Amino acid sequence: MPPAGLKAAGDERRSTMSRLARVLRAEGLIVTDRDTGSPFLAFARAGAFRLVGTLVGTAAYALYQDELGVRFDAEGLAKTGDLDFASFERVKPLPALGVSI
């Protein structure tokens, strides 16, 4: 059983993420579901983005729709069920860095 402080922090983070998702949905944006958001968080914590890893593909378009000034509907954006990453040649492949899902 996790210490009370960890459980409270997890509960607070879940509450905050739920609130932010509701705000984004209300503004007409497609929000990232938990099946996609959890791996994002794992990659971020493992340092994949800090090491010049870049999210590409369908998930990236869904996340950047506000920056691009477009709105996708859920049917208009293909849900491939995978996460696509790219990196520059000077960066070692993510598996070589010990990053795993």
PDB file of N, CA and C in Angstrom:
ATOM      1  N   MET A   1       0.851  -1.182   0.000  1.00  0.00           N
ATOM      2  CA  MET A   1       0.000   0.000   0.000  1.00  0.00           C
ATOM      3  C   MET A   1       0.895   1.245   0.000  1.00  0.00           C
ATOM      4  N   PRO A   2       0.644   2.198  -0.914  1.00  0.00           N
ATOM      5  CA  PRO A   2       1.488   3.391  -0.989  1.00  0.00           C
ATOM      6  C   PRO A   2       1.288   4.288   0.229  1.00  0.00           C
ATOM      7  N   PRO A   3       2.327   5.038   0.588  1.00  0.00           N
ATOM      8  CA  PRO A   3       2.184   5.994   1.691  1.00  0.00           C
ATOM      9  C   PRO A   3       1.064   6.991   1.394  1.00  0.00           C
ATOM     10  N   ALA A   4       0.485   7.507   2.451  1.00  0.00           N
ATOM     11  CA  ALA A   4      -0.658   8.425   2.322  1.00  0.00           C
ATOM     12  C   ALA A   4      -0.332   9.627   1.447  1.00  0.00           C
ATOM     13  N   GLY A   5       0.888  10.143   1.556  1.00  0.00           N
ATOM     14  CA  GLY A   5       1.282  11.309   0.765  1.00  0.00           C
ATOM     15  C   GLY A   5       1.283  11.016  -0.729  1.00  0.00           C
ATOM     16  N   LEU A   6       1.742   9.824  -1.123  1.00  0.00           N
ATOM     17  CA  LEU A   6       1.746   9.451  -2.536  1.00  0.00           C
ATOM     18  C   LEU A   6       0.330   9.272  -3.064  1.00  0.00           C
ATOM     19  N   LYS A   7      -0.514   8.656  -2.258  1.00  0.00           N
ATOM     20  CA  LYS A   7      -1.904   8.456  -2.679  1.00  0.00           C
ATOM     21  C   LYS A   7      -2.601   9.798  -2.834  1.00  0.00           C
ATOM     22  N   ALA A   8      -2.387  10.704  -1.882  1.00  0.00           N
ATOM     23  CA  ALA A   8      -3.008  12.028  -1.958  1.00  0.00           C
ATOM     24  C   ALA A   8      -2.515  12.792  -3.184  1.00  0.00           C
ATOM     25  N   ALA A   9      -1.212  12.704  -3.470  1.00  0.00           N
ATOM     26  CA  ALA A   9      -0.653  13.387  -4.642  1.00  0.00           C
ATOM     27  C   ALA A   9      -1.232  12.798  -5.922  1.00  0.00           C
ATOM     28  N   GLY A  10      -1.373  11.473  -5.973  1.00  0.00           N
ATOM     29  CA  GLY A  10      -1.964  10.825  -7.145  1.00  0.00           C
ATOM     30  C   GLY A  10      -3.412  11.219  -7.341  1.00  0.00           C
ATOM     31  N   ASP A  11      -4.160  11.265  -6.251  1.00  0.00           N
ATOM     32  CA  ASP A  11      -5.566  11.671  -6.322  1.00  0.00           C
ATOM     33  C   ASP A  11      -5.692  13.116  -6.793  1.00  0.00           C
ATOM     34  N   GLU A  12      -4.818  13.978  -6.297  1.00  0.00           N
ATOM     35  CA  GLU A  12      -4.845  15.391  -6.702  1.00  0.00           C
ATOM     36  C   GLU A  12      -4.505  15.527  -8.180  1.00  0.00           C
ATOM     37  N   ARG A  13      -3.489  14.784  -8.644  1.00  0.00           N
ATOM     38  CA  ARG A  13      -3.093  14.836 -10.056  1.00  0.00           C
ATOM     39  C   ARG A  13      -4.238  14.341 -10.952  1.00  0.00           C
ATOM     40  N   ARG A  14      -4.905  13.243 -10.555  1.00  0.00           N
ATOM     41  CA  ARG A  14      -6.029  12.723 -11.322  1.00  0.00           C
ATOM     42  C   ARG A  14      -7.158  13.745 -11.404  1.00  0.00           C
ATOM     43  N   SER A  15      -7.438  14.401 -10.274  1.00  0.00           N
ATOM     44  CA  SER A  15      -8.484  15.411 -10.235  1.00  0.00           C
ATOM     45  C   SER A  15      -8.146  16.589 -11.156  1.00  0.00           C
ATOM     46  N   THR A  16      -6.894  17.032 -11.103  1.00  0.00           N
ATOM     47  CA  THR A  16      -6.455  18.146 -11.952  1.00  0.00           C
ATOM     48  C   THR A  16      -6.551  17.778 -13.425  1.00  0.00           C
ATOM     49  N   MET A  17      -6.092  16.583 -13.787  1.00  0.00           N
ATOM     50  CA  MET A  17      -6.131  16.147 -15.188  1.00  0.00           C
ATOM     51  C   MET A  17      -7.577  16.021 -15.685  1.00  0.00           C
ATOM     52  N   SER A  18      -8.458  15.525 -14.838  1.00  0.00           N
ATOM     53  CA  SER A  18      -9.873  15.416 -15.214  1.00  0.00           C
ATOM     54  C   SER A  18     -10.478  16.791 -15.449  1.00  0.00           C
ATOM     55  N   ARG A  19     -10.155  17.736 -14.573  1.00  0.00           N
ATOM     56  CA  ARG A  19     -10.671  19.101 -14.728  1.00  0.00           C
ATOM     57  C   ARG A  19     -10.160  19.732 -16.013  1.00  0.00           C
ATOM     58  N   LEU A  20      -8.858  19.573 -16.288  1.00  0.00           N
ATOM     59  CA  LEU A  20      -8.293  20.146 -17.512  1.00  0.00           C
ATOM     60  C   LEU A  20      -8.902  19.505 -18.762  1.00  0.00           C
ATOM     61  N   ALA A  21      -9.137  18.207 -18.718  1.00  0.00           N
ATOM     62  CA  ALA A  21      -9.756  17.526 -19.855  1.00  0.00           C
ATOM     63  C   ALA A  21     -11.165  18.051 -20.089  1.00  0.00           C
ATOM     64  N   ARG A  22     -11.914  18.295 -19.022  1.00  0.00           N
ATOM     65  CA  ARG A  22     -13.271  18.844 -19.167  1.00  0.00           C
ATOM     66  C   ARG A  22     -13.233  20.222 -19.817  1.00  0.00           C
ATOM     67  N   VAL A  23     -12.269  21.060 -19.411  1.00  0.00           N
ATOM     68  CA  VAL A  23     -12.140  22.407 -19.982  1.00  0.00           C
ATOM     69  C   VAL A  23     -11.819  22.314 -21.473  1.00  0.00           C
ATOM     70  N   LEU A  24     -10.879  21.449 -21.843  1.00  0.00           N
ATOM     71  CA  LEU A  24     -10.510  21.298 -23.250  1.00  0.00           C
ATOM     72  C   LEU A  24     -11.684  20.766 -24.075  1.00  0.00           C
ATOM     73  N   ARG A  25     -12.402  19.773 -23.539  1.00  0.00           N
ATOM     74  CA  ARG A  25     -13.576  19.239 -24.239  1.00  0.00           C
ATOM     75  C   ARG A  25     -14.619  20.330 -24.440  1.00  0.00           C
ATOM     76  N   ALA A  26     -14.825  21.160 -23.423  1.00  0.00           N
ATOM     77  CA  ALA A  26     -15.809  22.241 -23.517  1.00  0.00           C
ATOM     78  C   ALA A  26     -15.433  23.239 -24.610  1.00  0.00           C
ATOM     79  N   GLU A  27     -14.131  23.379 -24.870  1.00  0.00           N
ATOM     80  CA  GLU A  27     -13.668  24.284 -25.916  1.00  0.00           C
ATOM     81  C   GLU A  27     -13.646  23.632 -27.295  1.00  0.00           C
ATOM     82  N   GLY A  28     -14.054  22.366 -27.363  1.00  0.00           N
ATOM     83  CA  GLY A  28     -14.157  21.694 -28.646  1.00  0.00           C
ATOM     84  C   GLY A  28     -12.921  20.935 -29.082  1.00  0.00           C
ATOM     85  N   LEU A  29     -11.954  20.783 -28.207  1.00  0.00           N
ATOM     86  CA  LEU A  29     -10.754  20.040 -28.551  1.00  0.00           C
ATOM     87  C   LEU A  29     -10.916  18.566 -28.223  1.00  0.00           C
ATOM     88  N   ILE A  30     -10.213  17.736 -28.955  1.00  0.00           N
ATOM     89  CA  ILE A  30     -10.186  16.311 -28.658  1.00  0.00           C
ATOM     90  C   ILE A  30      -9.134  16.114 -27.575  1.00  0.00           C
ATOM     91  N   VAL A  31      -9.506  15.476 -26.496  1.00  0.00           N
ATOM     92  CA  VAL A  31      -8.564  15.266 -25.399  1.00  0.00           C
ATOM     93  C   VAL A  31      -7.935  13.885 -25.490  1.00  0.00           C
ATOM     94  N   THR A  32      -6.759  13.769 -24.937  1.00  0.00           N
ATOM     95  CA  THR A  32      -6.047  12.499 -24.910  1.00  0.00           C
ATOM     96  C   THR A  32      -6.676  11.587 -23.871  1.00  0.00           C
ATOM     97  N   ASP A  33      -6.967  10.356 -24.269  1.00  0.00           N
ATOM     98  CA  ASP A  33      -7.544   9.419 -23.316  1.00  0.00           C
ATOM     99  C   ASP A  33      -6.454   8.825 -22.424  1.00  0.00           C
ATOM    100  N   ARG A  34      -6.861   8.101 -21.396  1.00  0.00           N
ATOM    101  CA  ARG A  34      -5.888   7.546 -20.451  1.00  0.00           C
ATOM    102  C   ARG A  34      -4.960   6.527 -21.092  1.00  0.00           C
ATOM    103  N   ASP A  35      -5.478   5.765 -22.069  1.00  0.00           N
ATOM    104  CA  ASP A  35      -4.651   4.766 -22.734  1.00  0.00           C
ATOM    105  C   ASP A  35      -3.508   5.414 -23.502  1.00  0.00           C
ATOM    106  N   THR A  36      -3.697   6.648 -23.932  1.00  0.00           N
ATOM    107  CA  THR A  36      -2.650   7.381 -24.638  1.00  0.00           C
ATOM    108  C   THR A  36      -1.856   8.246 -23.667  1.00  0.00           C
ATOM    109  N   GLY A  37      -2.532   8.874 -22.726  1.00  0.00           N
ATOM    110  CA  GLY A  37      -1.880   9.779 -21.791  1.00  0.00           C
ATOM    111  C   GLY A  37      -0.893   9.088 -20.864  1.00  0.00           C
ATOM    112  N   SER A  38      -1.207   7.880 -20.440  1.00  0.00           N
ATOM    113  CA  SER A  38      -0.292   7.160 -19.539  1.00  0.00           C
ATOM    114  C   SER A  38       1.062   6.886 -20.184  1.00  0.00           C
ATOM    115  N   PRO A  39       1.109   6.370 -21.433  1.00  0.00           N
ATOM    116  CA  PRO A  39       2.425   6.212 -22.062  1.00  0.00           C
ATOM    117  C   PRO A  39       3.146   7.541 -22.285  1.00  0.00           C
ATOM    118  N   PHE A  40       2.393   8.613 -22.620  1.00  0.00           N
ATOM    119  CA  PHE A  40       3.021   9.933 -22.755  1.00  0.00           C
ATOM    120  C   PHE A  40       3.762  10.287 -21.468  1.00  0.00           C
ATOM    121  N   LEU A  41       3.080  10.123 -20.355  1.00  0.00           N
ATOM    122  CA  LEU A  41       3.673  10.446 -19.062  1.00  0.00           C
ATOM    123  C   LEU A  41       4.898   9.575 -18.797  1.00  0.00           C
ATOM    124  N   ALA A  42       4.811   8.286 -19.113  1.00  0.00           N
ATOM    125  CA  ALA A  42       5.950   7.384 -18.905  1.00  0.00           C
ATOM    126  C   ALA A  42       7.151   7.799 -19.749  1.00  0.00           C
ATOM    127  N   PHE A  43       6.906   8.140 -21.017  1.00  0.00           N
ATOM    128  CA  PHE A  43       8.007   8.593 -21.872  1.00  0.00           C
ATOM    129  C   PHE A  43       8.598   9.904 -21.366  1.00  0.00           C
ATOM    130  N   ALA A  44       7.747  10.814 -20.924  1.00  0.00           N
ATOM    131  CA  ALA A  44       8.238  12.090 -20.408  1.00  0.00           C
ATOM    132  C   ALA A  44       9.091  11.885 -19.162  1.00  0.00           C
ATOM    133  N   ARG A  45       8.618  11.039 -18.253  1.00  0.00           N
ATOM    134  CA  ARG A  45       9.377  10.771 -17.028  1.00  0.00           C
ATOM    135  C   ARG A  45      10.701  10.069 -17.323  1.00  0.00           C
ATOM    136  N   ALA A  46      10.729   9.262 -18.387  1.00  0.00           N
ATOM    137  CA  ALA A  46      11.954   8.551 -18.763  1.00  0.00           C
ATOM    138  C   ALA A  46      12.927   9.467 -19.499  1.00  0.00           C
ATOM    139  N   GLY A  47      12.503  10.679 -19.835  1.00  0.00           N
ATOM    140  CA  GLY A  47      13.391  11.633 -20.485  1.00  0.00           C
ATOM    141  C   GLY A  47      13.371  11.588 -22.001  1.00  0.00           C
ATOM    142  N   ALA A  48      12.413  10.893 -22.595  1.00  0.00           N
ATOM    143  CA  ALA A  48      12.377  10.756 -24.057  1.00  0.00           C
ATOM    144  C   ALA A  48      12.262  12.107 -24.761  1.00  0.00           C
ATOM    145  N   PHE A  49      11.461  13.014 -24.248  1.00  0.00           N
ATOM    146  CA  PHE A  49      11.289  14.307 -24.906  1.00  0.00           C
ATOM    147  C   PHE A  49      12.461  15.232 -24.615  1.00  0.00           C
ATOM    148  N   ARG A  50      13.026  15.114 -23.450  1.00  0.00           N
ATOM    149  CA  ARG A  50      14.206  15.902 -23.089  1.00  0.00           C
ATOM    150  C   ARG A  50      15.384  15.516 -23.976  1.00  0.00           C
ATOM    151  N   LEU A  51      15.410  14.265 -24.428  1.00  0.00           N
ATOM    152  CA  LEU A  51      16.492  13.763 -25.266  1.00  0.00           C
ATOM    153  C   LEU A  51      16.174  13.912 -26.753  1.00  0.00           C
ATOM    154  N   VAL A  52      15.377  14.890 -27.108  1.00  0.00           N
ATOM    155  CA  VAL A  52      15.039  15.264 -28.471  1.00  0.00           C
ATOM    156  C   VAL A  52      14.073  14.277 -29.134  1.00  0.00           C
ATOM    157  N   GLY A  53      13.394  13.453 -28.341  1.00  0.00           N
ATOM    158  CA  GLY A  53      12.329  12.623 -28.890  1.00  0.00           C
ATOM    159  C   GLY A  53      11.156  13.524 -29.241  1.00  0.00           C
ATOM    160  N   THR A  54      10.501  13.251 -30.347  1.00  0.00           N
ATOM    161  CA  THR A  54       9.407  14.079 -30.824  1.00  0.00           C
ATOM    162  C   THR A  54       8.203  13.208 -31.126  1.00  0.00           C
ATOM    163  N   LEU A  55       7.069  13.606 -30.641  1.00  0.00           N
ATOM    164  CA  LEU A  55       5.829  12.899 -30.928  1.00  0.00           C
ATOM    165  C   LEU A  55       5.380  13.286 -32.330  1.00  0.00           C
ATOM    166  N   VAL A  56       5.064  12.292 -33.152  1.00  0.00           N
ATOM    167  CA  VAL A  56       4.574  12.533 -34.509  1.00  0.00           C
ATOM    168  C   VAL A  56       3.327  11.687 -34.725  1.00  0.00           C
ATOM    169  N   GLY A  57       2.677  11.869 -35.839  1.00  0.00           N
ATOM    170  CA  GLY A  57       1.527  11.038 -36.180  1.00  0.00           C
ATOM    171  C   GLY A  57       0.216  11.579 -35.645  1.00  0.00           C
ATOM    172  N   THR A  58      -0.757  10.705 -35.605  1.00  0.00           N
ATOM    173  CA  THR A  58      -2.121  11.078 -35.238  1.00  0.00           C
ATOM    174  C   THR A  58      -2.213  11.713 -33.861  1.00  0.00           C
ATOM    175  N   ALA A  59      -1.522  11.130 -32.888  1.00  0.00           N
ATOM    176  CA  ALA A  59      -1.576  11.675 -31.526  1.00  0.00           C
ATOM    177  C   ALA A  59      -1.036  13.098 -31.481  1.00  0.00           C
ATOM    178  N   ALA A  60       0.002  13.372 -32.257  1.00  0.00           N
ATOM    179  CA  ALA A  60       0.569  14.721 -32.292  1.00  0.00           C
ATOM    180  C   ALA A  60      -0.435  15.714 -32.871  1.00  0.00           C
ATOM    181  N   TYR A  61      -1.104  15.335 -33.966  1.00  0.00           N
ATOM    182  CA  TYR A  61      -2.088  16.242 -34.551  1.00  0.00           C
ATOM    183  C   TYR A  61      -3.212  16.534 -33.577  1.00  0.00           C
ATOM    184  N   ALA A  62      -3.645  15.534 -32.843  1.00  0.00           N
ATOM    185  CA  ALA A  62      -4.715  15.760 -31.871  1.00  0.00           C
ATOM    186  C   ALA A  62      -4.263  16.738 -30.795  1.00  0.00           C
ATOM    187  N   LEU A  63      -3.006  16.619 -30.355  1.00  0.00           N
ATOM    188  CA  LEU A  63      -2.502  17.501 -29.307  1.00  0.00           C
ATOM    189  C   LEU A  63      -2.232  18.919 -29.811  1.00  0.00           C
ATOM    190  N   TYR A  64      -1.902  19.053 -31.084  1.00  0.00           N
ATOM    191  CA  TYR A  64      -1.530  20.361 -31.631  1.00  0.00           C
ATOM    192  C   TYR A  64      -2.678  21.084 -32.317  1.00  0.00           C
ATOM    193  N   GLN A  65      -3.883  20.540 -32.261  1.00  0.00           N
ATOM    194  CA  GLN A  65      -4.960  21.157 -33.022  1.00  0.00           C
ATOM    195  C   GLN A  65      -5.195  22.620 -32.650  1.00  0.00           C
ATOM    196  N   ASP A  66      -5.065  22.979 -31.388  1.00  0.00           N
ATOM    197  CA  ASP A  66      -5.254  24.371 -31.000  1.00  0.00           C
ATOM    198  C   ASP A  66      -4.124  25.245 -31.540  1.00  0.00           C
ATOM    199  N   GLU A  67      -2.891  24.727 -31.470  1.00  0.00           N
ATOM    200  CA  GLU A  67      -1.742  25.470 -32.000  1.00  0.00           C
ATOM    201  C   GLU A  67      -1.862  25.664 -33.510  1.00  0.00           C
ATOM    202  N   LEU A  68      -2.423  24.652 -34.195  1.00  0.00           N
ATOM    203  CA  LEU A  68      -2.583  24.729 -35.645  1.00  0.00           C
ATOM    204  C   LEU A  68      -3.794  25.558 -36.055  1.00  0.00           C
ATOM    205  N   GLY A  69      -4.639  25.877 -35.090  1.00  0.00           N
ATOM    206  CA  GLY A  69      -5.827  26.676 -35.379  1.00  0.00           C
ATOM    207  C   GLY A  69      -6.918  25.897 -36.083  1.00  0.00           C
ATOM    208  N   VAL A  70      -6.976  24.590 -35.842  1.00  0.00           N
ATOM    209  CA  VAL A  70      -7.996  23.743 -36.455  1.00  0.00           C
ATOM    210  C   VAL A  70      -8.727  22.971 -35.369  1.00  0.00           C
ATOM    211  N   ARG A  71      -9.889  22.449 -35.729  1.00  0.00           N
ATOM    212  CA  ARG A  71     -10.639  21.589 -34.821  1.00  0.00           C
ATOM    213  C   ARG A  71     -10.955  20.300 -35.564  1.00  0.00           C
ATOM    214  N   PHE A  72     -10.627  19.191 -34.964  1.00  0.00           N
ATOM    215  CA  PHE A  72     -10.961  17.888 -35.532  1.00  0.00           C
ATOM    216  C   PHE A  72     -12.121  17.319 -34.739  1.00  0.00           C
ATOM    217  N   ASP A  73     -13.018  16.635 -35.431  1.00  0.00           N
ATOM    218  CA  ASP A  73     -14.021  15.887 -34.686  1.00  0.00           C
ATOM    219  C   ASP A  73     -13.485  14.474 -34.478  1.00  0.00           C
ATOM    220  N   ALA A  74     -14.059  13.768 -33.544  1.00  0.00           N
ATOM    221  CA  ALA A  74     -13.549  12.444 -33.192  1.00  0.00           C
ATOM    222  C   ALA A  74     -13.567  11.500 -34.392  1.00  0.00           C
ATOM    223  N   GLU A  75     -14.549  11.615 -35.259  1.00  0.00           N
ATOM    224  CA  GLU A  75     -14.629  10.744 -36.430  1.00  0.00           C
ATOM    225  C   GLU A  75     -13.640  11.163 -37.506  1.00  0.00           C
ATOM    226  N   GLY A  76     -13.314  12.465 -37.548  1.00  0.00           N
ATOM    227  CA  GLY A  76     -12.419  12.979 -38.580  1.00  0.00           C
ATOM    228  C   GLY A  76     -10.951  12.695 -38.312  1.00  0.00           C
ATOM    229  N   LEU A  77     -10.624  12.355 -37.100  1.00  0.00           N
ATOM    230  CA  LEU A  77      -9.241  12.081 -36.743  1.00  0.00           C
ATOM    231  C   LEU A  77      -9.101  10.587 -36.507  1.00  0.00           C
ATOM    232  N   ALA A  78      -8.335   9.944 -37.339  1.00  0.00           N
ATOM    233  CA  ALA A  78      -8.157   8.487 -37.229  1.00  0.00           C
ATOM    234  C   ALA A  78      -7.536   8.146 -35.886  1.00  0.00           C
ATOM    235  N   LYS A  79      -8.066   7.146 -35.239  1.00  0.00           N
ATOM    236  CA  LYS A  79      -7.508   6.652 -33.981  1.00  0.00           C
ATOM    237  C   LYS A  79      -6.752   5.370 -34.290  1.00  0.00           C
ATOM    238  N   THR A  80      -5.437   5.465 -34.379  1.00  0.00           N
ATOM    239  CA  THR A  80      -4.637   4.308 -34.764  1.00  0.00           C
ATOM    240  C   THR A  80      -4.270   3.433 -33.572  1.00  0.00           C
ATOM    241  N   GLY A  81      -4.377   3.978 -32.372  1.00  0.00           N
ATOM    242  CA  GLY A  81      -4.087   3.198 -31.176  1.00  0.00           C
ATOM    243  C   GLY A  81      -2.612   3.012 -30.895  1.00  0.00           C
ATOM    244  N   ASP A  82      -1.765   3.778 -31.575  1.00  0.00           N
ATOM    245  CA  ASP A  82      -0.335   3.676 -31.304  1.00  0.00           C
ATOM    246  C   ASP A  82       0.254   5.068 -31.120  1.00  0.00           C
ATOM    247  N   LEU A  83       1.465   5.111 -30.608  1.00  0.00           N
ATOM    248  CA  LEU A  83       2.193   6.363 -30.448  1.00  0.00           C
ATOM    249  C   LEU A  83       3.401   6.314 -31.368  1.00  0.00           C
ATOM    250  N   ASP A  84       3.594   7.351 -32.140  1.00  0.00           N
ATOM    251  CA  ASP A  84       4.718   7.411 -33.068  1.00  0.00           C
ATOM    252  C   ASP A  84       5.699   8.471 -32.591  1.00  0.00           C
ATOM    253  N   PHE A  85       6.968   8.073 -32.514  1.00  0.00           N
ATOM    254  CA  PHE A  85       8.022   8.982 -32.087  1.00  0.00           C
ATOM    255  C   PHE A  85       9.082   9.079 -33.164  1.00  0.00           C
ATOM    256  N   ALA A  86       9.724  10.220 -33.247  1.00  0.00           N
ATOM    257  CA  ALA A  86      10.840  10.425 -34.154  1.00  0.00           C
ATOM    258  C   ALA A  86      11.958  11.076 -33.354  1.00  0.00           C
ATOM    259  N   SER A  87      13.157  10.996 -33.893  1.00  0.00           N
ATOM    260  CA  SER A  87      14.284  11.666 -33.251  1.00  0.00           C
ATOM    261  C   SER A  87      15.295  12.054 -34.307  1.00  0.00           C
ATOM    262  N   PHE A  88      16.195  12.935 -33.940  1.00  0.00           N
ATOM    263  CA  PHE A  88      17.262  13.333 -34.842  1.00  0.00           C
ATOM    264  C   PHE A  88      18.316  12.239 -34.870  1.00  0.00           C
ATOM    265  N   GLU A  89      19.081  12.172 -35.940  1.00  0.00           N
ATOM    266  CA  GLU A  89      20.079  11.125 -36.096  1.00  0.00           C
ATOM    267  C   GLU A  89      21.126  11.121 -34.996  1.00  0.00           C
ATOM    268  N   ARG A  90      21.428  12.261 -34.436  1.00  0.00           N
ATOM    269  CA  ARG A  90      22.489  12.317 -33.424  1.00  0.00           C
ATOM    270  C   ARG A  90      22.063  11.740 -32.077  1.00  0.00           C
ATOM    271  N   VAL A  91      20.789  11.421 -31.952  1.00  0.00           N
ATOM    272  CA  VAL A  91      20.274  10.852 -30.717  1.00  0.00           C
ATOM    273  C   VAL A  91      20.156   9.345 -30.893  1.00  0.00           C
ATOM    274  N   LYS A  92      20.597   8.590 -29.897  1.00  0.00           N
ATOM    275  CA  LYS A  92      20.485   7.137 -29.960  1.00  0.00           C
ATOM    276  C   LYS A  92      19.017   6.733 -29.963  1.00  0.00           C
ATOM    277  N   PRO A  93      18.698   5.596 -30.582  1.00  0.00           N
ATOM    278  CA  PRO A  93      17.299   5.115 -30.535  1.00  0.00           C
ATOM    279  C   PRO A  93      16.844   4.956 -29.084  1.00  0.00           C
ATOM    280  N   LEU A  94      15.587   5.214 -28.834  1.00  0.00           N
ATOM    281  CA  LEU A  94      15.065   5.168 -27.476  1.00  0.00           C
ATOM    282  C   LEU A  94      15.321   3.842 -26.767  1.00  0.00           C
ATOM    283  N   PRO A  95      15.148   2.670 -27.430  1.00  0.00           N
ATOM    284  CA  PRO A  95      15.416   1.422 -26.711  1.00  0.00           C
ATOM    285  C   PRO A  95      16.865   1.307 -26.219  1.00  0.00           C
ATOM    286  N   ALA A  96      17.805   1.906 -26.945  1.00  0.00           N
ATOM    287  CA  ALA A  96      19.206   1.853 -26.530  1.00  0.00           C
ATOM    288  C   ALA A  96      19.446   2.662 -25.269  1.00  0.00           C
ATOM    289  N   LEU A  97      18.538   3.566 -24.963  1.00  0.00           N
ATOM    290  CA  LEU A  97      18.662   4.388 -23.754  1.00  0.00           C
ATOM    291  C   LEU A  97      17.973   3.729 -22.555  1.00  0.00           C
ATOM    292  N   GLY A  98      17.417   2.558 -22.770  1.00  0.00           N
ATOM    293  CA  GLY A  98      16.751   1.847 -21.670  1.00  0.00           C
ATOM    294  C   GLY A  98      15.310   2.272 -21.465  1.00  0.00           C
ATOM    295  N   VAL A  99      14.721   2.963 -22.421  1.00  0.00           N
ATOM    296  CA  VAL A  99      13.339   3.391 -22.304  1.00  0.00           C
ATOM    297  C   VAL A  99      12.460   2.252 -22.784  1.00  0.00           C
ATOM    298  N   SER A 100      11.511   1.866 -21.974  1.00  0.00           N
ATOM    299  CA  SER A 100      10.576   0.825 -22.389  1.00  0.00           C
ATOM    300  C   SER A 100       9.179   1.192 -21.927  1.00  0.00           C
ATOM    301  N   ILE A 101       8.213   0.573 -22.569  1.00  0.00           N
ATOM    302  CA  ILE A 101       6.817   0.842 -22.221  1.00  0.00           C
ATOM    303  C   ILE A 101       6.324  -0.245 -21.308  1.00  0.00           C
TER     304      ILE A 101
END
